[in-house]
Amino acid sequence: MSKSIFYHAGCPVCVSAEHDLINLIGNDNVQIVHIGEETSKIAEAENAGVKSVPALVTPNGNVLHINFGASIEDVKG
């Protein structure tokens, strides 16, 4: 993985964190995945170790859970 991946569900906490991350590390360095809209990516996020969103998965595989918007179980519905 060459970019960080930012998973979120579209809530205000997630959108705010998305904007902050893009401002901090640049749009070219992060892939944004809205798992509320791209539900097929939920399993990918879980396999990476994401337990709640918003979360950033770094290029070396570390998962940084940012604030707390929703658990991955809540997003699954």
PDB file of N, CA and C in Angstrom:
ATOM      1  N   MET A   1       0.857  -1.177   0.000  1.00  0.00           N
ATOM      2  CA  MET A   1       0.000   0.000   0.000  1.00  0.00           C
ATOM      3  C   MET A   1       0.898   1.234   0.000  1.00  0.00           C
ATOM      4  N   SER A   2       0.680   2.135  -0.934  1.00  0.00           N
ATOM      5  CA  SER A   2       1.514   3.324  -1.017  1.00  0.00           C
ATOM      6  C   SER A   2       0.853   4.562  -0.423  1.00  0.00           C
ATOM      7  N   LYS A   3      -0.441   4.529  -0.271  1.00  0.00           N
ATOM      8  CA  LYS A   3      -1.200   5.642   0.299  1.00  0.00           C
ATOM      9  C   LYS A   3      -1.846   5.202   1.603  1.00  0.00           C
ATOM     10  N   SER A   4      -2.155   6.183   2.423  1.00  0.00           N
ATOM     11  CA  SER A   4      -3.017   5.916   3.571  1.00  0.00           C
ATOM     12  C   SER A   4      -4.442   5.773   3.047  1.00  0.00           C
ATOM     13  N   ILE A   5      -5.263   5.036   3.773  1.00  0.00           N
ATOM     14  CA  ILE A   5      -6.682   4.912   3.422  1.00  0.00           C
ATOM     15  C   ILE A   5      -7.498   5.420   4.596  1.00  0.00           C
ATOM     16  N   PHE A   6      -8.375   6.373   4.320  1.00  0.00           N
ATOM     17  CA  PHE A   6      -9.233   6.952   5.346  1.00  0.00           C
ATOM     18  C   PHE A   6     -10.640   6.406   5.146  1.00  0.00           C
ATOM     19  N   TYR A   7     -11.108   5.631   6.128  1.00  0.00           N
ATOM     20  CA  TYR A   7     -12.457   5.068   6.092  1.00  0.00           C
ATOM     21  C   TYR A   7     -13.378   5.923   6.951  1.00  0.00           C
ATOM     22  N   HIS A   8     -14.549   6.233   6.409  1.00  0.00           N
ATOM     23  CA  HIS A   8     -15.527   6.978   7.198  1.00  0.00           C
ATOM     24  C   HIS A   8     -16.932   6.638   6.735  1.00  0.00           C
ATOM     25  N   ALA A   9     -17.913   7.108   7.495  1.00  0.00           N
ATOM     26  CA  ALA A   9     -19.309   6.779   7.206  1.00  0.00           C
ATOM     27  C   ALA A   9     -20.158   7.998   6.866  1.00  0.00           C
ATOM     28  N   GLY A  10     -19.537   9.152   6.721  1.00  0.00           N
ATOM     29  CA  GLY A  10     -20.262  10.335   6.288  1.00  0.00           C
ATOM     30  C   GLY A  10     -20.848  11.208   7.375  1.00  0.00           C
ATOM     31  N   CYS A  11     -20.667  10.844   8.632  1.00  0.00           N
ATOM     32  CA  CYS A  11     -21.200  11.669   9.720  1.00  0.00           C
ATOM     33  C   CYS A  11     -20.382  12.965   9.832  1.00  0.00           C
ATOM     34  N   PRO A  12     -20.894  13.956  10.533  1.00  0.00           N
ATOM     35  CA  PRO A  12     -20.158  15.220  10.657  1.00  0.00           C
ATOM     36  C   PRO A  12     -18.744  15.060  11.238  1.00  0.00           C
ATOM     37  N   VAL A  13     -18.569  14.172  12.215  1.00  0.00           N
ATOM     38  CA  VAL A  13     -17.241  13.923  12.779  1.00  0.00           C
ATOM     39  C   VAL A  13     -16.314  13.395  11.693  1.00  0.00           C
ATOM     40  N   CYS A  14     -16.816  12.466  10.885  1.00  0.00           N
ATOM     41  CA  CYS A  14     -16.014  11.853   9.823  1.00  0.00           C
ATOM     42  C   CYS A  14     -15.637  12.873   8.742  1.00  0.00           C
ATOM     43  N   VAL A  15     -16.586  13.666   8.319  1.00  0.00           N
ATOM     44  CA  VAL A  15     -16.336  14.648   7.266  1.00  0.00           C
ATOM     45  C   VAL A  15     -15.338  15.697   7.733  1.00  0.00           C
ATOM     46  N   SER A  16     -15.458  16.125   8.967  1.00  0.00           N
ATOM     47  CA  SER A  16     -14.498  17.087   9.525  1.00  0.00           C
ATOM     48  C   SER A  16     -13.094  16.496   9.561  1.00  0.00           C
ATOM     49  N   ALA A  17     -12.988  15.234  10.011  1.00  0.00           N
ATOM     50  CA  ALA A  17     -11.690  14.561  10.052  1.00  0.00           C
ATOM     51  C   ALA A  17     -11.124  14.380   8.646  1.00  0.00           C
ATOM     52  N   GLU A  18     -11.975  14.081   7.684  1.00  0.00           N
ATOM     53  CA  GLU A  18     -11.534  13.939   6.286  1.00  0.00           C
ATOM     54  C   GLU A  18     -10.894  15.240   5.800  1.00  0.00           C
ATOM     55  N   HIS A  19     -11.557  16.343   6.032  1.00  0.00           N
ATOM     56  CA  HIS A  19     -11.026  17.641   5.589  1.00  0.00           C
ATOM     57  C   HIS A  19      -9.701  17.949   6.272  1.00  0.00           C
ATOM     58  N   ASP A  20      -9.618  17.683   7.561  1.00  0.00           N
ATOM     59  CA  ASP A  20      -8.375  17.930   8.297  1.00  0.00           C
ATOM     60  C   ASP A  20      -7.240  17.059   7.761  1.00  0.00           C
ATOM     61  N   LEU A  21      -7.524  15.797   7.506  1.00  0.00           N
ATOM     62  CA  LEU A  21      -6.484  14.893   6.993  1.00  0.00           C
ATOM     63  C   LEU A  21      -5.988  15.328   5.628  1.00  0.00           C
ATOM     64  N   ILE A  22      -6.901  15.699   4.756  1.00  0.00           N
ATOM     65  CA  ILE A  22      -6.493  16.162   3.424  1.00  0.00           C
ATOM     66  C   ILE A  22      -5.626  17.401   3.546  1.00  0.00           C
ATOM     67  N   ASN A  23      -5.992  18.308   4.446  1.00  0.00           N
ATOM     68  CA  ASN A  23      -5.177  19.509   4.651  1.00  0.00           C
ATOM     69  C   ASN A  23      -3.805  19.176   5.228  1.00  0.00           C
ATOM     70  N   LEU A  24      -3.733  18.160   6.087  1.00  0.00           N
ATOM     71  CA  LEU A  24      -2.470  17.786   6.726  1.00  0.00           C
ATOM     72  C   LEU A  24      -1.539  16.992   5.822  1.00  0.00           C
ATOM     73  N   ILE A  25      -2.072  15.976   5.144  1.00  0.00           N
ATOM     74  CA  ILE A  25      -1.182  15.086   4.393  1.00  0.00           C
ATOM     75  C   ILE A  25      -1.346  15.171   2.879  1.00  0.00           C
ATOM     76  N   GLY A  26      -2.335  15.894   2.422  1.00  0.00           N
ATOM     77  CA  GLY A  26      -2.521  16.094   0.988  1.00  0.00           C
ATOM     78  C   GLY A  26      -3.407  15.045   0.347  1.00  0.00           C
ATOM     79  N   ASN A  27      -4.208  15.495  -0.580  1.00  0.00           N
ATOM     80  CA  ASN A  27      -5.170  14.643  -1.269  1.00  0.00           C
ATOM     81  C   ASN A  27      -4.498  13.496  -2.025  1.00  0.00           C
ATOM     82  N   ASP A  28      -3.283  13.723  -2.521  1.00  0.00           N
ATOM     83  CA  ASP A  28      -2.572  12.693  -3.283  1.00  0.00           C
ATOM     84  C   ASP A  28      -2.027  11.570  -2.399  1.00  0.00           C
ATOM     85  N   ASN A  29      -2.016  11.790  -1.086  1.00  0.00           N
ATOM     86  CA  ASN A  29      -1.429  10.817  -0.163  1.00  0.00           C
ATOM     87  C   ASN A  29      -2.449   9.987   0.595  1.00  0.00           C
ATOM     88  N   VAL A  30      -3.722  10.208   0.317  1.00  0.00           N
ATOM     89  CA  VAL A  30      -4.762   9.484   1.051  1.00  0.00           C
ATOM     90  C   VAL A  30      -5.910   9.115   0.112  1.00  0.00           C
ATOM     91  N   GLN A  31      -6.357   7.882   0.243  1.00  0.00           N
ATOM     92  CA  GLN A  31      -7.545   7.417  -0.470  1.00  0.00           C
ATOM     93  C   GLN A  31      -8.717   7.528   0.498  1.00  0.00           C
ATOM     94  N   ILE A  32      -9.778   8.176   0.073  1.00  0.00           N
ATOM     95  CA  ILE A  32     -10.960   8.353   0.909  1.00  0.00           C
ATOM     96  C   ILE A  32     -11.981   7.271   0.554  1.00  0.00           C
ATOM     97  N   VAL A  33     -12.444   6.540   1.576  1.00  0.00           N
ATOM     98  CA  VAL A  33     -13.452   5.500   1.361  1.00  0.00           C
ATOM     99  C   VAL A  33     -14.627   5.773   2.294  1.00  0.00           C
ATOM    100  N   HIS A  34     -15.754   6.122   1.708  1.00  0.00           N
ATOM    101  CA  HIS A  34     -16.995   6.361   2.448  1.00  0.00           C
ATOM    102  C   HIS A  34     -17.737   5.025   2.505  1.00  0.00           C
ATOM    103  N   ILE A  35     -17.554   4.282   3.605  1.00  0.00           N
ATOM    104  CA  ILE A  35     -18.130   2.940   3.673  1.00  0.00           C
ATOM    105  C   ILE A  35     -19.648   2.945   3.853  1.00  0.00           C
ATOM    106  N   GLY A  36     -20.216   4.121   4.138  1.00  0.00           N
ATOM    107  CA  GLY A  36     -21.666   4.219   4.156  1.00  0.00           C
ATOM    108  C   GLY A  36     -22.230   4.130   2.750  1.00  0.00           C
ATOM    109  N   GLU A  37     -21.452   4.587   1.771  1.00  0.00           N
ATOM    110  CA  GLU A  37     -21.861   4.525   0.367  1.00  0.00           C
ATOM    111  C   GLU A  37     -21.238   3.343  -0.358  1.00  0.00           C
ATOM    112  N   GLU A  38     -20.031   2.956   0.042  1.00  0.00           N
ATOM    113  CA  GLU A  38     -19.328   1.835  -0.579  1.00  0.00           C
ATOM    114  C   GLU A  38     -19.303   0.656   0.400  1.00  0.00           C
ATOM    115  N   THR A  39     -20.473   0.078   0.640  1.00  0.00           N
ATOM    116  CA  THR A  39     -20.583  -0.972   1.648  1.00  0.00           C
ATOM    117  C   THR A  39     -19.726  -2.199   1.328  1.00  0.00           C
ATOM    118  N   SER A  40     -19.367  -2.365   0.063  1.00  0.00           N
ATOM    119  CA  SER A  40     -18.500  -3.487  -0.307  1.00  0.00           C
ATOM    120  C   SER A  40     -17.106  -3.341   0.294  1.00  0.00           C
ATOM    121  N   LYS A  41     -16.757  -2.155   0.773  1.00  0.00           N
ATOM    122  CA  LYS A  41     -15.437  -1.896   1.360  1.00  0.00           C
ATOM    123  C   LYS A  41     -15.403  -2.157   2.871  1.00  0.00           C
ATOM    124  N   ILE A  42     -16.544  -2.495   3.476  1.00  0.00           N
ATOM    125  CA  ILE A  42     -16.577  -2.739   4.917  1.00  0.00           C
ATOM    126  C   ILE A  42     -15.673  -3.908   5.291  1.00  0.00           C
ATOM    127  N   ALA A  43     -15.747  -4.993   4.549  1.00  0.00           N
ATOM    128  CA  ALA A  43     -14.904  -6.165   4.841  1.00  0.00           C
ATOM    129  C   ALA A  43     -13.429  -5.804   4.709  1.00  0.00           C
ATOM    130  N   GLU A  44     -13.094  -5.012   3.712  1.00  0.00           N
ATOM    131  CA  GLU A  44     -11.712  -4.552   3.530  1.00  0.00           C
ATOM    132  C   GLU A  44     -11.241  -3.771   4.756  1.00  0.00           C
ATOM    133  N   ALA A  45     -12.096  -2.887   5.237  1.00  0.00           N
ATOM    134  CA  ALA A  45     -11.758  -2.088   6.421  1.00  0.00           C
ATOM    135  C   ALA A  45     -11.574  -2.990   7.639  1.00  0.00           C
ATOM    136  N   GLU A  46     -12.482  -3.928   7.832  1.00  0.00           N
ATOM    137  CA  GLU A  46     -12.377  -4.860   8.960  1.00  0.00           C
ATOM    138  C   GLU A  46     -11.090  -5.681   8.879  1.00  0.00           C
ATOM    139  N   ASN A  47     -10.759  -6.155   7.690  1.00  0.00           N
ATOM    140  CA  ASN A  47      -9.538  -6.947   7.508  1.00  0.00           C
ATOM    141  C   ASN A  47      -8.280  -6.136   7.801  1.00  0.00           C
ATOM    142  N   ALA A  48      -8.365  -4.832   7.600  1.00  0.00           N
ATOM    143  CA  ALA A  48      -7.232  -3.957   7.898  1.00  0.00           C
ATOM    144  C   ALA A  48      -7.127  -3.656   9.387  1.00  0.00           C
ATOM    145  N   GLY A  49      -8.195  -3.987  10.163  1.00  0.00           N
ATOM    146  CA  GLY A  49      -8.187  -3.751  11.603  1.00  0.00           C
ATOM    147  C   GLY A  49      -9.033  -2.591  12.068  1.00  0.00           C
ATOM    148  N   VAL A  50      -9.835  -2.028  11.173  1.00  0.00           N
ATOM    149  CA  VAL A  50     -10.694  -0.901  11.537  1.00  0.00           C
ATOM    150  C   VAL A  50     -11.832  -1.401  12.421  1.00  0.00           C
ATOM    151  N   LYS A  51     -11.978  -0.784  13.584  1.00  0.00           N
ATOM    152  CA  LYS A  51     -13.033  -1.147  14.540  1.00  0.00           C
ATOM    153  C   LYS A  51     -14.127  -0.089  14.616  1.00  0.00           C
ATOM    154  N   SER A  52     -13.771   1.154  14.256  1.00  0.00           N
ATOM    155  CA  SER A  52     -14.727   2.257  14.258  1.00  0.00           C
ATOM    156  C   SER A  52     -14.266   3.273  13.227  1.00  0.00           C
ATOM    157  N   VAL A  53     -15.189   4.100  12.824  1.00  0.00           N
ATOM    158  CA  VAL A  53     -14.859   5.172  11.876  1.00  0.00           C
ATOM    159  C   VAL A  53     -15.137   6.513  12.535  1.00  0.00           C
ATOM    160  N   PRO A  54     -14.376   7.501  12.184  1.00  0.00           N
ATOM    161  CA  PRO A  54     -13.341   7.560  11.162  1.00  0.00           C
ATOM    162  C   PRO A  54     -12.057   6.869  11.607  1.00  0.00           C
ATOM    163  N   ALA A  55     -11.366   6.295  10.631  1.00  0.00           N
ATOM    164  CA  ALA A  55     -10.095   5.625  10.903  1.00  0.00           C
ATOM    165  C   ALA A  55      -9.173   5.780   9.696  1.00  0.00           C
ATOM    166  N   LEU A  56      -7.900   5.902   9.984  1.00  0.00           N
ATOM    167  CA  LEU A  56      -6.878   6.019   8.943  1.00  0.00           C
ATOM    168  C   LEU A  56      -5.981   4.796   9.020  1.00  0.00           C
ATOM    169  N   VAL A  57      -5.831   4.101   7.895  1.00  0.00           N
ATOM    170  CA  VAL A  57      -4.900   2.983   7.808  1.00  0.00           C
ATOM    171  C   VAL A  57      -3.668   3.514   7.083  1.00  0.00           C
ATOM    172  N   THR A  58      -2.529   3.454   7.767  1.00  0.00           N
ATOM    173  CA  THR A  58      -1.293   3.997   7.205  1.00  0.00           C
ATOM    174  C   THR A  58      -0.691   3.023   6.195  1.00  0.00           C
ATOM    175  N   PRO A  59       0.237   3.506   5.371  1.00  0.00           N
ATOM    176  CA  PRO A  59       0.850   2.625   4.364  1.00  0.00           C
ATOM    177  C   PRO A  59       1.519   1.374   4.952  1.00  0.00           C
ATOM    178  N   ASN A  60       1.976   1.444   6.193  1.00  0.00           N
ATOM    179  CA  ASN A  60       2.601   0.256   6.785  1.00  0.00           C
ATOM    180  C   ASN A  60       1.610  -0.583   7.592  1.00  0.00           C
ATOM    181  N   GLY A  61       0.303  -0.273   7.499  1.00  0.00           N
ATOM    182  CA  GLY A  61      -0.728  -1.113   8.092  1.00  0.00           C
ATOM    183  C   GLY A  61      -1.213  -0.737   9.467  1.00  0.00           C
ATOM    184  N   ASN A  62      -0.684   0.332  10.049  1.00  0.00           N
ATOM    185  CA  ASN A  62      -1.197   0.775  11.350  1.00  0.00           C
ATOM    186  C   ASN A  62      -2.576   1.398  11.174  1.00  0.00           C
ATOM    187  N   VAL A  63      -3.454   1.131  12.133  1.00  0.00           N
ATOM    188  CA  VAL A  63      -4.803   1.708  12.098  1.00  0.00           C
ATOM    189  C   VAL A  63      -4.886   2.785  13.168  1.00  0.00           C
ATOM    190  N   LEU A  64      -5.205   3.987  12.726  1.00  0.00           N
ATOM    191  CA  LEU A  64      -5.354   5.117  13.641  1.00  0.00           C
ATOM    192  C   LEU A  64      -6.837   5.453  13.721  1.00  0.00           C
ATOM    193  N   HIS A  65      -7.447   5.107  14.852  1.00  0.00           N
ATOM    194  CA  HIS A  65      -8.862   5.425  15.057  1.00  0.00           C
ATOM    195  C   HIS A  65      -8.940   6.874  15.518  1.00  0.00           C
ATOM    196  N   ILE A  66      -9.675   7.679  14.773  1.00  0.00           N
ATOM    197  CA  ILE A  66      -9.735   9.121  15.000  1.00  0.00           C
ATOM    198  C   ILE A  66     -11.088   9.465  15.603  1.00  0.00           C
ATOM    199  N   ASN A  67     -11.053  10.029  16.819  1.00  0.00           N
ATOM    200  CA  ASN A  67     -12.297  10.395  17.484  1.00  0.00           C
ATOM    201  C   ASN A  67     -13.203   9.170  17.500  1.00  0.00           C
ATOM    202  N   PHE A  68     -14.494   9.347  17.478  1.00  0.00           N
ATOM    203  CA  PHE A  68     -15.409   8.216  17.380  1.00  0.00           C
ATOM    204  C   PHE A  68     -16.683   8.689  16.718  1.00  0.00           C
ATOM    205  N   GLY A  69     -16.958   8.152  15.550  1.00  0.00           N
ATOM    206  CA  GLY A  69     -18.186   8.479  14.845  1.00  0.00           C
ATOM    207  C   GLY A  69     -19.187   7.348  14.954  1.00  0.00           C
ATOM    208  N   ALA A  70     -18.725   6.124  14.626  1.00  0.00           N
ATOM    209  CA  ALA A  70     -19.588   4.948  14.683  1.00  0.00           C
ATOM    210  C   ALA A  70     -18.730   3.698  14.689  1.00  0.00           C
ATOM    211  N   SER A  71     -19.222   2.657  15.350  1.00  0.00           N
ATOM    212  CA  SER A  71     -18.511   1.384  15.300  1.00  0.00           C
ATOM    213  C   SER A  71     -18.742   0.770  13.922  1.00  0.00           C
ATOM    214  N   ILE A  72     -17.871  -0.104  13.521  1.00  0.00           N
ATOM    215  CA  ILE A  72     -18.025  -0.778  12.233  1.00  0.00           C
ATOM    216  C   ILE A  72     -19.294  -1.608  12.232  1.00  0.00           C
ATOM    217  N   GLU A  73     -19.692  -2.134  13.373  1.00  0.00           N
ATOM    218  CA  GLU A  73     -20.932  -2.905  13.472  1.00  0.00           C
ATOM    219  C   GLU A  73     -22.153  -2.026  13.203  1.00  0.00           C
ATOM    220  N   ASP A  74     -22.106  -0.768  13.688  1.00  0.00           N
ATOM    221  CA  ASP A  74     -23.211   0.160  13.414  1.00  0.00           C
ATOM    222  C   ASP A  74     -23.328   0.477  11.939  1.00  0.00           C
ATOM    223  N   VAL A  75     -22.187   0.592  11.283  1.00  0.00           N
ATOM    224  CA  VAL A  75     -22.185   0.915   9.857  1.00  0.00           C
ATOM    225  C   VAL A  75     -22.754  -0.245   9.045  1.00  0.00           C
ATOM    226  N   LYS A  76     -22.471  -1.469   9.488  1.00  0.00           N
ATOM    227  CA  LYS A  76     -22.997  -2.646   8.788  1.00  0.00           C
ATOM    228  C   LYS A  76     -24.524  -2.696   8.839  1.00  0.00           C
ATOM    229  N   GLY A  77     -25.076  -2.113   9.908  1.00  0.00           N
ATOM    230  CA  GLY A  77     -26.525  -2.057  10.045  1.00  0.00           C
ATOM    231  C   GLY A  77     -27.057  -3.294  10.564  1.00  0.00           C
TER     232      GLY A  77
END
